[in-house]
Amino acid sequence: MSLIRIVKMTFKEESIAEFQKIFEERKERIAAAPGCASVELLHDDRNIFFTYSVWEDEVSLETYRDSELFTSTWALVKPLFKHKAEAWSVRKVV
C-alpha cells in the first residue's frame, strides 16, 4: 500500500515567487526519485502551499529525505518560511 506525504508550508509574501521557481526547477527530479509515484503542489489562496506526494513505501520516502536532492532543496526553501513546516505521512483507508 502506498504512502502519501503531505507537507504544509506557509511562506513570507515576498518569498512565494522564489519558492514556486525552486519547485518548478526541481519537481521532475523529485518525481523521478526511486519509489516516488507523483508529486503535486497545492495552494489555498493565502500564503499556504502543500506538497502532496505518493511513495511506494516508507523506505522510499526516507531514502529521498536522506538524499542530496532533498537536502539541497530544503536548504533553499526553509529560509522562505513564515511559519515552521508541518508534515504528515498517511495512507488511504479505502
Protein backbone atom coordinates (compact mmCIF):
# COMPACT_ATOMS: atom_id res chain seq x y z
CA MET A 1 0.00 0.00 0.00
CA SER A 2 1.45 3.37 -0.98
CA LEU A 3 2.33 6.16 1.42
CA ILE A 4 1.07 9.72 0.93
CA ARG A 5 3.20 12.58 2.23
CA ILE A 6 1.55 15.95 2.80
CA VAL A 7 3.72 18.93 3.73
CA LYS A 8 2.14 22.26 4.71
CA MET A 9 4.33 25.32 4.14
CA THR A 10 3.47 28.93 4.93
CA PHE A 11 5.67 31.44 3.14
CA LYS A 12 6.53 35.08 3.61
CA GLU A 13 4.58 37.04 0.99
CA GLU A 14 7.77 38.21 -0.69
CA SER A 15 9.13 34.65 -0.89
CA ILE A 16 6.28 32.95 -2.76
CA ALA A 17 7.65 33.56 -6.27
CA GLU A 18 11.08 32.25 -5.22
CA PHE A 19 9.54 29.09 -3.76
CA GLN A 20 7.47 28.47 -6.89
CA LYS A 21 10.60 28.87 -9.03
CA ILE A 22 12.51 26.35 -6.88
CA PHE A 23 9.61 23.88 -7.02
CA GLU A 24 9.30 24.17 -10.81
CA GLU A 25 13.04 23.62 -11.24
CA ARG A 26 13.08 20.50 -9.03
CA LYS A 27 9.67 18.82 -9.25
CA GLU A 28 10.62 16.48 -12.10
CA ARG A 29 13.73 15.27 -10.26
CA ILE A 30 11.68 14.73 -7.10
CA ALA A 31 9.05 12.78 -9.06
CA ALA A 32 11.85 10.69 -10.60
CA ALA A 33 13.22 9.68 -7.19
CA PRO A 34 13.11 5.91 -6.68
CA GLY A 35 9.75 4.93 -5.22
CA CYS A 36 8.02 8.28 -5.95
CA ALA A 37 4.82 7.83 -7.95
CA SER A 38 3.88 11.52 -8.11
CA VAL A 39 4.36 14.94 -6.57
CA GLU A 40 1.94 17.87 -6.74
CA LEU A 41 1.87 21.43 -5.44
CA LEU A 42 -1.39 22.77 -3.99
CA HIS A 43 -2.23 26.33 -2.90
CA ASP A 44 -5.04 27.74 -0.75
CA ASP A 45 -5.28 31.41 -1.89
CA ARG A 46 -3.25 32.62 1.06
CA ASN A 47 0.49 32.13 1.59
CA ILE A 48 -0.02 28.44 2.35
CA PHE A 49 1.15 25.71 -0.02
CA PHE A 50 1.02 21.95 0.30
CA THR A 51 3.09 19.32 -1.41
CA TYR A 52 1.24 16.06 -1.95
CA SER A 53 3.47 13.18 -2.92
CA VAL A 54 2.82 9.47 -3.28
CA TRP A 55 5.55 7.00 -2.38
CA GLU A 56 5.87 3.26 -2.83
CA ASP A 57 6.60 2.82 0.88
CA GLU A 58 8.22 4.45 3.93
CA VAL A 59 11.67 3.24 2.89
CA SER A 60 11.40 5.09 -0.43
CA LEU A 61 10.34 8.30 1.30
CA GLU A 62 13.15 8.06 3.86
CA THR A 63 15.70 7.33 1.14
CA TYR A 64 14.58 10.52 -0.64
CA ARG A 65 14.70 12.50 2.61
CA ASP A 66 18.32 11.37 3.07
CA SER A 67 19.26 12.35 -0.49
CA GLU A 68 21.30 15.31 -1.71
CA LEU A 69 18.29 16.47 -3.73
CA PHE A 70 16.09 16.78 -0.63
CA THR A 71 18.86 18.31 1.50
CA SER A 72 19.74 20.96 -1.09
CA THR A 73 16.08 21.74 -1.85
CA TRP A 74 15.17 22.08 1.82
CA ALA A 75 18.18 24.38 2.39
CA LEU A 76 16.81 26.73 -0.28
CA VAL A 77 13.16 26.57 0.81
CA LYS A 78 13.41 26.66 4.60
CA PRO A 79 14.56 30.32 4.86
CA LEU A 80 11.48 31.37 2.87
CA PHE A 81 9.02 30.11 5.52
CA LYS A 82 6.88 32.43 7.59
CA HIS A 83 5.99 29.53 9.91
CA LYS A 84 7.57 26.15 10.55
CA ALA A 85 6.50 23.50 8.04
CA GLU A 86 4.19 20.69 9.12
CA ALA A 87 4.21 17.21 7.58
CA TRP A 88 2.07 14.09 7.68
CA SER A 89 2.53 10.62 6.26
CA VAL A 90 -0.82 8.92 5.67
CA ARG A 91 -2.39 6.01 3.82
CA LYS A 92 -5.74 5.77 2.04
CA VAL A 93 -8.34 3.94 4.07
CA VAL A 94 -10.26 2.56 1.08
